[in-house]
Amino acid sequence: MDAMVSGRIPTEMKGQGSKLLAQIGATQSQLIKAAYEYLLAEGRLPQPQSRLAGPSALTEQDLTQLENFINATTFEVGPDFWADFDLKDTLAEGRWADYEALA
C-alpha cells in the first residue's frame, strides 16, 4: 500500500517544476519518490547544484582549464585581417548558406 505525502512550496516553484517534469516525462509522484530514495540512500537532503553566476562560481581549476583552452584556440591577427571585414555581408552569407542547406 502507498502512503500519501503533502507539502507546501512557492507557487512559482511548483509551476516551473511542473513544466520541467513534463519536459522530462516525469510526474510529481516520481519526483517525491526520488527525493525519498535519495534521503534513504545518502542520509541527507539533496542540495541544488549552483548554477554559474559569474567568475566567482568558477574554481581555480576551472579558470585554469578555461585559460588553457582559450590560449590553445586563439591566435593573433594583424590589423589587415579586419580591413575588408563587413559584418552585414558576413551575416548575409551565413544566412544564405543556412537557407541553401534547407533547400
PDB file of N, CA and C in Angstrom:
ATOM      1  N   MET A   1       0.835  -1.167   0.000  1.00  0.00           N
ATOM      2  CA  MET A   1       0.000   0.000   0.000  1.00  0.00           C
ATOM      3  C   MET A   1       0.891   1.246   0.000  1.00  0.00           C
ATOM      4  N   ASP A   2       0.500   2.265  -0.748  1.00  0.00           N
ATOM      5  CA  ASP A   2       1.265   3.505  -0.838  1.00  0.00           C
ATOM      6  C   ASP A   2       0.723   4.550   0.119  1.00  0.00           C
ATOM      7  N   ALA A   3       1.613   5.394   0.613  1.00  0.00           N
ATOM      8  CA  ALA A   3       1.230   6.475   1.528  1.00  0.00           C
ATOM      9  C   ALA A   3       1.117   7.779   0.743  1.00  0.00           C
ATOM     10  N   MET A   4       0.273   8.670   1.222  1.00  0.00           N
ATOM     11  CA  MET A   4       0.086   9.982   0.612  1.00  0.00           C
ATOM     12  C   MET A   4       1.014  10.973   1.311  1.00  0.00           C
ATOM     13  N   VAL A   5       1.693  11.822   0.543  1.00  0.00           N
ATOM     14  CA  VAL A   5       2.593  12.831   1.086  1.00  0.00           C
ATOM     15  C   VAL A   5       2.104  14.190   0.610  1.00  0.00           C
ATOM     16  N   SER A   6       2.112  15.181   1.498  1.00  0.00           N
ATOM     17  CA  SER A   6       1.728  16.528   1.077  1.00  0.00           C
ATOM     18  C   SER A   6       2.736  17.519   1.631  1.00  0.00           C
ATOM     19  N   GLY A   7       2.851  18.647   1.000  1.00  0.00           N
ATOM     20  CA  GLY A   7       3.773  19.681   1.446  1.00  0.00           C
ATOM     21  C   GLY A   7       3.445  20.988   0.758  1.00  0.00           C
ATOM     22  N   ARG A   8       4.084  22.053   1.198  1.00  0.00           N
ATOM     23  CA  ARG A   8       3.856  23.371   0.616  1.00  0.00           C
ATOM     24  C   ARG A   8       5.151  23.896   0.015  1.00  0.00           C
ATOM     25  N   ILE A   9       5.040  24.427  -1.184  1.00  0.00           N
ATOM     26  CA  ILE A   9       6.156  25.089  -1.853  1.00  0.00           C
ATOM     27  C   ILE A   9       5.611  26.346  -2.520  1.00  0.00           C
ATOM     28  N   PRO A  10       6.472  27.319  -2.846  1.00  0.00           N
ATOM     29  CA  PRO A  10       6.000  28.521  -3.521  1.00  0.00           C
ATOM     30  C   PRO A  10       5.333  28.190  -4.862  1.00  0.00           C
ATOM     31  N   THR A  11       4.282  28.929  -5.171  1.00  0.00           N
ATOM     32  CA  THR A  11       3.512  28.688  -6.396  1.00  0.00           C
ATOM     33  C   THR A  11       4.391  28.752  -7.637  1.00  0.00           C
ATOM     34  N   GLU A  12       5.276  29.733  -7.697  1.00  0.00           N
ATOM     35  CA  GLU A  12       6.157  29.886  -8.866  1.00  0.00           C
ATOM     36  C   GLU A  12       7.069  28.670  -9.026  1.00  0.00           C
ATOM     37  N   MET A  13       7.592  28.169  -7.921  1.00  0.00           N
ATOM     38  CA  MET A  13       8.457  26.990  -7.969  1.00  0.00           C
ATOM     39  C   MET A  13       7.684  25.784  -8.488  1.00  0.00           C
ATOM     40  N   LYS A  14       6.444  25.616  -8.030  1.00  0.00           N
ATOM     41  CA  LYS A  14       5.626  24.493  -8.486  1.00  0.00           C
ATOM     42  C   LYS A  14       5.361  24.597  -9.981  1.00  0.00           C
ATOM     43  N   GLY A  15       5.059  25.806 -10.454  1.00  0.00           N
ATOM     44  CA  GLY A  15       4.793  25.992 -11.876  1.00  0.00           C
ATOM     45  C   GLY A  15       6.007  25.658 -12.727  1.00  0.00           C
ATOM     46  N   GLN A  16       7.152  26.179 -12.334  1.00  0.00           N
ATOM     47  CA  GLN A  16       8.381  25.906 -13.082  1.00  0.00           C
ATOM     48  C   GLN A  16       8.740  24.423 -13.018  1.00  0.00           C
ATOM     49  N   GLY A  17       8.589  23.848 -11.826  1.00  0.00           N
ATOM     50  CA  GLY A  17       8.898  22.428 -11.658  1.00  0.00           C
ATOM     51  C   GLY A  17       7.975  21.539 -12.471  1.00  0.00           C
ATOM     52  N   SER A  18       6.692  21.885 -12.511  1.00  0.00           N
ATOM     53  CA  SER A  18       5.731  21.093 -13.289  1.00  0.00           C
ATOM     54  C   SER A  18       6.066  21.119 -14.771  1.00  0.00           C
ATOM     55  N   LYS A  19       6.478  22.285 -15.263  1.00  0.00           N
ATOM     56  CA  LYS A  19       6.867  22.391 -16.681  1.00  0.00           C
ATOM     57  C   LYS A  19       8.081  21.512 -16.970  1.00  0.00           C
ATOM     58  N   LEU A  20       9.059  21.575 -16.086  1.00  0.00           N
ATOM     59  CA  LEU A  20      10.262  20.775 -16.289  1.00  0.00           C
ATOM     60  C   LEU A  20       9.963  19.285 -16.171  1.00  0.00           C
ATOM     61  N   LEU A  21       9.127  18.903 -15.216  1.00  0.00           N
ATOM     62  CA  LEU A  21       8.745  17.490 -15.105  1.00  0.00           C
ATOM     63  C   LEU A  21       8.070  17.013 -16.388  1.00  0.00           C
ATOM     64  N   ALA A  22       7.198  17.842 -16.950  1.00  0.00           N
ATOM     65  CA  ALA A  22       6.525  17.472 -18.202  1.00  0.00           C
ATOM     66  C   ALA A  22       7.543  17.307 -19.328  1.00  0.00           C
ATOM     67  N   GLN A  23       8.543  18.191 -19.374  1.00  0.00           N
ATOM     68  CA  GLN A  23       9.562  18.112 -20.420  1.00  0.00           C
ATOM     69  C   GLN A  23      10.366  16.820 -20.345  1.00  0.00           C
ATOM     70  N   ILE A  24      10.632  16.369 -19.123  1.00  0.00           N
ATOM     71  CA  ILE A  24      11.437  15.145 -18.983  1.00  0.00           C
ATOM     72  C   ILE A  24      10.574  13.896 -18.870  1.00  0.00           C
ATOM     73  N   GLY A  25       9.256  14.080 -18.957  1.00  0.00           N
ATOM     74  CA  GLY A  25       8.351  12.928 -18.932  1.00  0.00           C
ATOM     75  C   GLY A  25       8.209  12.286 -17.566  1.00  0.00           C
ATOM     76  N   ALA A  26       8.277  13.088 -16.499  1.00  0.00           N
ATOM     77  CA  ALA A  26       8.161  12.551 -15.146  1.00  0.00           C
ATOM     78  C   ALA A  26       6.949  13.167 -14.451  1.00  0.00           C
ATOM     79  N   THR A  27       6.559  12.558 -13.358  1.00  0.00           N
ATOM     80  CA  THR A  27       5.407  13.037 -12.588  1.00  0.00           C
ATOM     81  C   THR A  27       5.876  13.579 -11.240  1.00  0.00           C
ATOM     82  N   GLN A  28       4.975  14.283 -10.564  1.00  0.00           N
ATOM     83  CA  GLN A  28       5.285  14.779  -9.228  1.00  0.00           C
ATOM     84  C   GLN A  28       5.513  13.619  -8.257  1.00  0.00           C
ATOM     85  N   SER A  29       4.765  12.549  -8.429  1.00  0.00           N
ATOM     86  CA  SER A  29       4.952  11.378  -7.565  1.00  0.00           C
ATOM     87  C   SER A  29       6.350  10.784  -7.756  1.00  0.00           C
ATOM     88  N   GLN A  30       6.816  10.738  -8.987  1.00  0.00           N
ATOM     89  CA  GLN A  30       8.163  10.213  -9.247  1.00  0.00           C
ATOM     90  C   GLN A  30       9.224  11.118  -8.621  1.00  0.00           C
ATOM     91  N   LEU A  31       8.992  12.424  -8.670  1.00  0.00           N
ATOM     92  CA  LEU A  31       9.918  13.371  -8.059  1.00  0.00           C
ATOM     93  C   LEU A  31      10.003  13.151  -6.550  1.00  0.00           C
ATOM     94  N   ILE A  32       8.862  13.039  -5.896  1.00  0.00           N
ATOM     95  CA  ILE A  32       8.834  12.841  -4.446  1.00  0.00           C
ATOM     96  C   ILE A  32       9.473  11.500  -4.077  1.00  0.00           C
ATOM     97  N   LYS A  33       9.172  10.455  -4.851  1.00  0.00           N
ATOM     98  CA  LYS A  33       9.755   9.145  -4.577  1.00  0.00           C
ATOM     99  C   LYS A  33      11.274   9.202  -4.734  1.00  0.00           C
ATOM    100  N   ALA A  34      11.753   9.910  -5.765  1.00  0.00           N
ATOM    101  CA  ALA A  34      13.198  10.033  -5.979  1.00  0.00           C
ATOM    102  C   ALA A  34      13.848  10.794  -4.821  1.00  0.00           C
ATOM    103  N   ALA A  35      13.164  11.813  -4.301  1.00  0.00           N
ATOM    104  CA  ALA A  35      13.701  12.568  -3.168  1.00  0.00           C
ATOM    105  C   ALA A  35      13.816  11.664  -1.934  1.00  0.00           C
ATOM    106  N   TYR A  36      12.804  10.849  -1.683  1.00  0.00           N
ATOM    107  CA  TYR A  36      12.844   9.927  -0.540  1.00  0.00           C
ATOM    108  C   TYR A  36      13.934   8.873  -0.738  1.00  0.00           C
ATOM    109  N   GLU A  37      14.087   8.365  -1.961  1.00  0.00           N
ATOM    110  CA  GLU A  37      15.137   7.380  -2.233  1.00  0.00           C
ATOM    111  C   GLU A  37      16.514   7.996  -1.988  1.00  0.00           C
ATOM    112  N   TYR A  38      16.689   9.253  -2.396  1.00  0.00           N
ATOM    113  CA  TYR A  38      17.954   9.943  -2.162  1.00  0.00           C
ATOM    114  C   TYR A  38      18.209  10.076  -0.655  1.00  0.00           C
ATOM    115  N   LEU A  39      17.196  10.511   0.079  1.00  0.00           N
ATOM    116  CA  LEU A  39      17.309  10.669   1.528  1.00  0.00           C
ATOM    117  C   LEU A  39      17.713   9.356   2.190  1.00  0.00           C
ATOM    118  N   LEU A  40      17.068   8.259   1.795  1.00  0.00           N
ATOM    119  CA  LEU A  40      17.372   6.961   2.403  1.00  0.00           C
ATOM    120  C   LEU A  40      18.762   6.464   2.018  1.00  0.00           C
ATOM    121  N   ALA A  41      19.182   6.747   0.800  1.00  0.00           N
ATOM    122  CA  ALA A  41      20.493   6.276   0.352  1.00  0.00           C
ATOM    123  C   ALA A  41      21.634   7.125   0.908  1.00  0.00           C
ATOM    124  N   GLU A  42      21.429   8.444   0.973  1.00  0.00           N
ATOM    125  CA  GLU A  42      22.508   9.355   1.351  1.00  0.00           C
ATOM    126  C   GLU A  42      22.428   9.833   2.796  1.00  0.00           C
ATOM    127  N   GLY A  43      21.250   9.716   3.405  1.00  0.00           N
ATOM    128  CA  GLY A  43      21.086  10.170   4.778  1.00  0.00           C
ATOM    129  C   GLY A  43      21.045  11.677   4.928  1.00  0.00           C
ATOM    130  N   ARG A  44      20.766  12.370   3.840  1.00  0.00           N
ATOM    131  CA  ARG A  44      20.679  13.829   3.879  1.00  0.00           C
ATOM    132  C   ARG A  44      19.801  14.307   2.735  1.00  0.00           C
ATOM    133  N   LEU A  45      19.407  15.571   2.794  1.00  0.00           N
ATOM    134  CA  LEU A  45      18.599  16.148   1.722  1.00  0.00           C
ATOM    135  C   LEU A  45      19.474  16.455   0.512  1.00  0.00           C
ATOM    136  N   PRO A  46      18.928  16.325  -0.686  1.00  0.00           N
ATOM    137  CA  PRO A  46      19.706  16.711  -1.866  1.00  0.00           C
ATOM    138  C   PRO A  46      19.936  18.221  -1.865  1.00  0.00           C
ATOM    139  N   GLN A  47      21.111  18.632  -2.273  1.00  0.00           N
ATOM    140  CA  GLN A  47      21.435  20.055  -2.348  1.00  0.00           C
ATOM    141  C   GLN A  47      21.421  20.486  -3.812  1.00  0.00           C
ATOM    142  N   PRO A  48      20.773  21.615  -4.116  1.00  0.00           N
ATOM    143  CA  PRO A  48      20.766  22.074  -5.511  1.00  0.00           C
ATOM    144  C   PRO A  48      22.179  22.432  -5.946  1.00  0.00           C
ATOM    145  N   GLN A  49      22.500  22.087  -7.174  1.00  0.00           N
ATOM    146  CA  GLN A  49      23.803  22.442  -7.711  1.00  0.00           C
ATOM    147  C   GLN A  49      23.769  23.918  -8.070  1.00  0.00           C
ATOM    148  N   SER A  50      24.815  24.628  -7.695  1.00  0.00           N
ATOM    149  CA  SER A  50      24.845  26.051  -8.023  1.00  0.00           C
ATOM    150  C   SER A  50      25.042  26.219  -9.521  1.00  0.00           C
ATOM    151  N   ARG A  51      24.327  27.168 -10.061  1.00  0.00           N
ATOM    152  CA  ARG A  51      24.484  27.487 -11.469  1.00  0.00           C
ATOM    153  C   ARG A  51      25.537  28.564 -11.572  1.00  0.00           C
ATOM    154  N   LEU A  52      26.313  28.516 -12.634  1.00  0.00           N
ATOM    155  CA  LEU A  52      27.366  29.502 -12.794  1.00  0.00           C
ATOM    156  C   LEU A  52      26.752  30.887 -12.901  1.00  0.00           C
ATOM    157  N   ALA A  53      27.074  31.736 -11.962  1.00  0.00           N
ATOM    158  CA  ALA A  53      26.534  33.087 -11.949  1.00  0.00           C
ATOM    159  C   ALA A  53      27.613  34.095 -12.308  1.00  0.00           C
ATOM    160  N   GLY A  54      28.793  33.642 -12.586  1.00  0.00           N
ATOM    161  CA  GLY A  54      29.878  34.548 -12.906  1.00  0.00           C
ATOM    162  C   GLY A  54      31.202  33.954 -12.471  1.00  0.00           C
ATOM    163  N   PRO A  55      32.255  34.726 -12.591  1.00  0.00           N
ATOM    164  CA  PRO A  55      33.594  34.216 -12.273  1.00  0.00           C
ATOM    165  C   PRO A  55      33.719  33.670 -10.861  1.00  0.00           C
ATOM    166  N   SER A  56      32.959  34.193  -9.901  1.00  0.00           N
ATOM    167  CA  SER A  56      33.083  33.720  -8.526  1.00  0.00           C
ATOM    168  C   SER A  56      32.623  32.277  -8.364  1.00  0.00           C
ATOM    169  N   ALA A  57      31.831  31.771  -9.306  1.00  0.00           N
ATOM    170  CA  ALA A  57      31.336  30.407  -9.211  1.00  0.00           C
ATOM    171  C   ALA A  57      32.325  29.404  -9.809  1.00  0.00           C
ATOM    172  N   LEU A  58      33.391  29.892 -10.454  1.00  0.00           N
ATOM    173  CA  LEU A  58      34.379  29.005 -11.054  1.00  0.00           C
ATOM    174  C   LEU A  58      35.502  28.720 -10.063  1.00  0.00           C
ATOM    175  N   THR A  59      35.954  27.476 -10.043  1.00  0.00           N
ATOM    176  CA  THR A  59      37.082  27.122  -9.188  1.00  0.00           C
ATOM    177  C   THR A  59      38.374  27.533  -9.889  1.00  0.00           C
ATOM    178  N   GLU A  60      39.471  27.512  -9.151  1.00  0.00           N
ATOM    179  CA  GLU A  60      40.779  27.824  -9.750  1.00  0.00           C
ATOM    180  C   GLU A  60      41.089  26.863 -10.887  1.00  0.00           C
ATOM    181  N   GLN A  61      40.728  25.580 -10.688  1.00  0.00           N
ATOM    182  CA  GLN A  61      40.970  24.580 -11.724  1.00  0.00           C
ATOM    183  C   GLN A  61      40.140  24.905 -12.968  1.00  0.00           C
ATOM    184  N   ASP A  62      38.878  25.312 -12.779  1.00  0.00           N
ATOM    185  CA  ASP A  62      38.027  25.695 -13.904  1.00  0.00           C
ATOM    186  C   ASP A  62      38.639  26.855 -14.671  1.00  0.00           C
ATOM    187  N   LEU A  63      39.096  27.869 -13.924  1.00  0.00           N
ATOM    188  CA  LEU A  63      39.691  29.046 -14.562  1.00  0.00           C
ATOM    189  C   LEU A  63      40.961  28.695 -15.328  1.00  0.00           C
ATOM    190  N   THR A  64      41.774  27.806 -14.758  1.00  0.00           N
ATOM    191  CA  THR A  64      42.995  27.376 -15.429  1.00  0.00           C
ATOM    192  C   THR A  64      42.663  26.615 -16.712  1.00  0.00           C
ATOM    193  N   GLN A  65      41.690  25.710 -16.643  1.00  0.00           N
ATOM    194  CA  GLN A  65      41.289  24.962 -17.835  1.00  0.00           C
ATOM    195  C   GLN A  65      40.729  25.894 -18.904  1.00  0.00           C
ATOM    196  N   LEU A  66      39.930  26.868 -18.491  1.00  0.00           N
ATOM    197  CA  LEU A  66      39.369  27.822 -19.442  1.00  0.00           C
ATOM    198  C   LEU A  66      40.469  28.653 -20.087  1.00  0.00           C
ATOM    199  N   GLU A  67      41.399  29.128 -19.275  1.00  0.00           N
ATOM    200  CA  GLU A  67      42.511  29.918 -19.813  1.00  0.00           C
ATOM    201  C   GLU A  67      43.342  29.092 -20.789  1.00  0.00           C
ATOM    202  N   ASN A  68      43.630  27.846 -20.456  1.00  0.00           N
ATOM    203  CA  ASN A  68      44.390  26.967 -21.350  1.00  0.00           C
ATOM    204  C   ASN A  68      43.651  26.739 -22.665  1.00  0.00           C
ATOM    205  N   PHE A  69      42.329  26.547 -22.570  1.00  0.00           N
ATOM    206  CA  PHE A  69      41.532  26.334 -23.772  1.00  0.00           C
ATOM    207  C   PHE A  69      41.561  27.578 -24.664  1.00  0.00           C
ATOM    208  N   ILE A  70      41.375  28.736 -24.056  1.00  0.00           N
ATOM    209  CA  ILE A  70      41.380  29.984 -24.836  1.00  0.00           C
ATOM    210  C   ILE A  70      42.742  30.193 -25.482  1.00  0.00           C
ATOM    211  N   ASN A  71      43.810  29.963 -24.736  1.00  0.00           N
ATOM    212  CA  ASN A  71      45.153  30.127 -25.297  1.00  0.00           C
ATOM    213  C   ASN A  71      45.417  29.149 -26.441  1.00  0.00           C
ATOM    214  N   ALA A  72      44.889  27.935 -26.339  1.00  0.00           N
ATOM    215  CA  ALA A  72      45.118  26.926 -27.380  1.00  0.00           C
ATOM    216  C   ALA A  72      44.282  27.184 -28.639  1.00  0.00           C
ATOM    217  N   THR A  73      43.198  27.934 -28.505  1.00  0.00           N
ATOM    218  CA  THR A  73      42.301  28.122 -29.654  1.00  0.00           C
ATOM    219  C   THR A  73      42.270  29.566 -30.163  1.00  0.00           C
ATOM    220  N   THR A  74      43.177  30.395 -29.677  1.00  0.00           N
ATOM    221  CA  THR A  74      43.218  31.801 -30.066  1.00  0.00           C
ATOM    222  C   THR A  74      44.565  32.102 -30.708  1.00  0.00           C
ATOM    223  N   PHE A  75      44.554  32.938 -31.718  1.00  0.00           N
ATOM    224  CA  PHE A  75      45.809  33.348 -32.321  1.00  0.00           C
ATOM    225  C   PHE A  75      45.725  34.820 -32.712  1.00  0.00           C
ATOM    226  N   GLU A  76      46.888  35.442 -32.796  1.00  0.00           N
ATOM    227  CA  GLU A  76      46.967  36.858 -33.127  1.00  0.00           C
ATOM    228  C   GLU A  76      46.745  37.056 -34.623  1.00  0.00           C
ATOM    229  N   VAL A  77      46.050  38.111 -34.957  1.00  0.00           N
ATOM    230  CA  VAL A  77      45.902  38.512 -36.354  1.00  0.00           C
ATOM    231  C   VAL A  77      46.246  39.986 -36.444  1.00  0.00           C
ATOM    232  N   GLY A  78      46.799  40.357 -37.564  1.00  0.00           N
ATOM    233  CA  GLY A  78      47.176  41.751 -37.762  1.00  0.00           C
ATOM    234  C   GLY A  78      45.970  42.604 -38.118  1.00  0.00           C
ATOM    235  N   PRO A  79      46.134  43.914 -38.100  1.00  0.00           N
ATOM    236  CA  PRO A  79      45.027  44.813 -38.425  1.00  0.00           C
ATOM    237  C   PRO A  79      44.523  44.641 -39.853  1.00  0.00           C
ATOM    238  N   ASP A  80      45.378  44.162 -40.755  1.00  0.00           N
ATOM    239  CA  ASP A  80      44.948  43.944 -42.145  1.00  0.00           C
ATOM    240  C   ASP A  80      43.875  42.869 -42.244  1.00  0.00           C
ATOM    241  N   PHE A  81      43.847  41.958 -41.284  1.00  0.00           N
ATOM    242  CA  PHE A  81      42.858  40.880 -41.299  1.00  0.00           C
ATOM    243  C   PHE A  81      41.437  41.445 -41.306  1.00  0.00           C
ATOM    244  N   TRP A  82      41.228  42.538 -40.583  1.00  0.00           N
ATOM    245  CA  TRP A  82      39.903  43.126 -40.433  1.00  0.00           C
ATOM    246  C   TRP A  82      39.606  44.208 -41.478  1.00  0.00           C
ATOM    247  N   ALA A  83      40.557  44.495 -42.357  1.00  0.00           N
ATOM    248  CA  ALA A  83      40.409  45.615 -43.293  1.00  0.00           C
ATOM    249  C   ALA A  83      39.165  45.486 -44.168  1.00  0.00           C
ATOM    250  N   ASP A  84      38.906  44.322 -44.708  1.00  0.00           N
ATOM    251  CA  ASP A  84      37.773  44.128 -45.620  1.00  0.00           C
ATOM    252  C   ASP A  84      36.577  43.470 -44.950  1.00  0.00           C
ATOM    253  N   PHE A  85      36.588  43.387 -43.631  1.00  0.00           N
ATOM    254  CA  PHE A  85      35.509  42.712 -42.907  1.00  0.00           C
ATOM    255  C   PHE A  85      34.267  43.592 -42.859  1.00  0.00           C
ATOM    256  N   ASP A  86      33.137  43.019 -43.278  1.00  0.00           N
ATOM    257  CA  ASP A  86      31.850  43.722 -43.206  1.00  0.00           C
ATOM    258  C   ASP A  86      30.864  42.801 -42.505  1.00  0.00           C
ATOM    259  N   LEU A  87      30.433  43.188 -41.330  1.00  0.00           N
ATOM    260  CA  LEU A  87      29.562  42.342 -40.520  1.00  0.00           C
ATOM    261  C   LEU A  87      28.270  41.999 -41.245  1.00  0.00           C
ATOM    262  N   LYS A  88      27.640  42.984 -41.889  1.00  0.00           N
ATOM    263  CA  LYS A  88      26.374  42.734 -42.586  1.00  0.00           C
ATOM    264  C   LYS A  88      26.554  41.711 -43.695  1.00  0.00           C
ATOM    265  N   ASP A  89      27.623  41.832 -44.481  1.00  0.00           N
ATOM    266  CA  ASP A  89      27.878  40.862 -45.549  1.00  0.00           C
ATOM    267  C   ASP A  89      28.141  39.467 -44.982  1.00  0.00           C
ATOM    268  N   THR A  90      28.898  39.407 -43.896  1.00  0.00           N
ATOM    269  CA  THR A  90      29.206  38.114 -43.276  1.00  0.00           C
ATOM    270  C   THR A  90      27.943  37.441 -42.767  1.00  0.00           C
ATOM    271  N   LEU A  91      27.065  38.206 -42.104  1.00  0.00           N
ATOM    272  CA  LEU A  91      25.807  37.637 -41.623  1.00  0.00           C
ATOM    273  C   LEU A  91      24.925  37.199 -42.786  1.00  0.00           C
ATOM    274  N   ALA A  92      24.860  37.993 -43.844  1.00  0.00           N
ATOM    275  CA  ALA A  92      24.052  37.648 -45.013  1.00  0.00           C
ATOM    276  C   ALA A  92      24.553  36.355 -45.653  1.00  0.00           C
ATOM    277  N   GLU A  93      25.878  36.209 -45.751  1.00  0.00           N
ATOM    278  CA  GLU A  93      26.444  34.977 -46.318  1.00  0.00           C
ATOM    279  C   GLU A  93      26.079  33.767 -45.464  1.00  0.00           C
ATOM    280  N   GLY A  94      26.148  33.937 -44.154  1.00  0.00           N
ATOM    281  CA  GLY A  94      25.800  32.842 -43.253  1.00  0.00           C
ATOM    282  C   GLY A  94      24.342  32.451 -43.380  1.00  0.00           C
ATOM    283  N   ARG A  95      23.460  33.457 -43.462  1.00  0.00           N
ATOM    284  CA  ARG A  95      22.028  33.165 -43.627  1.00  0.00           C
ATOM    285  C   ARG A  95      21.778  32.466 -44.952  1.00  0.00           C
ATOM    286  N   TRP A  96      22.433  32.927 -45.998  1.00  0.00           N
ATOM    287  CA  TRP A  96      22.248  32.322 -47.316  1.00  0.00           C
ATOM    288  C   TRP A  96      22.672  30.855 -47.296  1.00  0.00           C
ATOM    289  N   ALA A  97      23.773  30.581 -46.636  1.00  0.00           N
ATOM    290  CA  ALA A  97      24.243  29.187 -46.528  1.00  0.00           C
ATOM    291  C   ALA A  97      23.221  28.336 -45.769  1.00  0.00           C
ATOM    292  N   ASP A  98      22.618  28.908 -44.708  1.00  0.00           N
ATOM    293  CA  ASP A  98      21.593  28.178 -43.965  1.00  0.00           C
ATOM    294  C   ASP A  98      20.374  27.912 -44.833  1.00  0.00           C
ATOM    295  N   TYR A  99      19.948  28.915 -45.602  1.00  0.00           N
ATOM    296  CA  TYR A  99      18.794  28.754 -46.482  1.00  0.00           C
ATOM    297  C   TYR A  99      19.064  27.691 -47.549  1.00  0.00           C
ATOM    298  N   GLU A 100      20.269  27.701 -48.104  1.00  0.00           N
ATOM    299  CA  GLU A 100      20.625  26.701 -49.121  1.00  0.00           C
ATOM    300  C   GLU A 100      20.595  25.301 -48.527  1.00  0.00           C
ATOM    301  N   ALA A 101      21.036  25.180 -47.291  1.00  0.00           N
ATOM    302  CA  ALA A 101      21.052  23.868 -46.638  1.00  0.00           C
ATOM    303  C   ALA A 101      19.646  23.327 -46.450  1.00  0.00           C
ATOM    304  N   LEU A 102      18.656  24.223 -46.318  1.00  0.00           N
ATOM    305  CA  LEU A 102      17.273  23.787 -46.144  1.00  0.00           C
ATOM    306  C   LEU A 102      16.610  23.386 -47.457  1.00  0.00           C
ATOM    307  N   ALA A 103      17.153  23.880 -48.551  1.00  0.00           N
ATOM    308  CA  ALA A 103      16.531  23.619 -49.868  1.00  0.00           C
ATOM    309  C   ALA A 103      16.771  22.208 -50.338  1.00  0.00           C
TER     310      ALA A 103
END
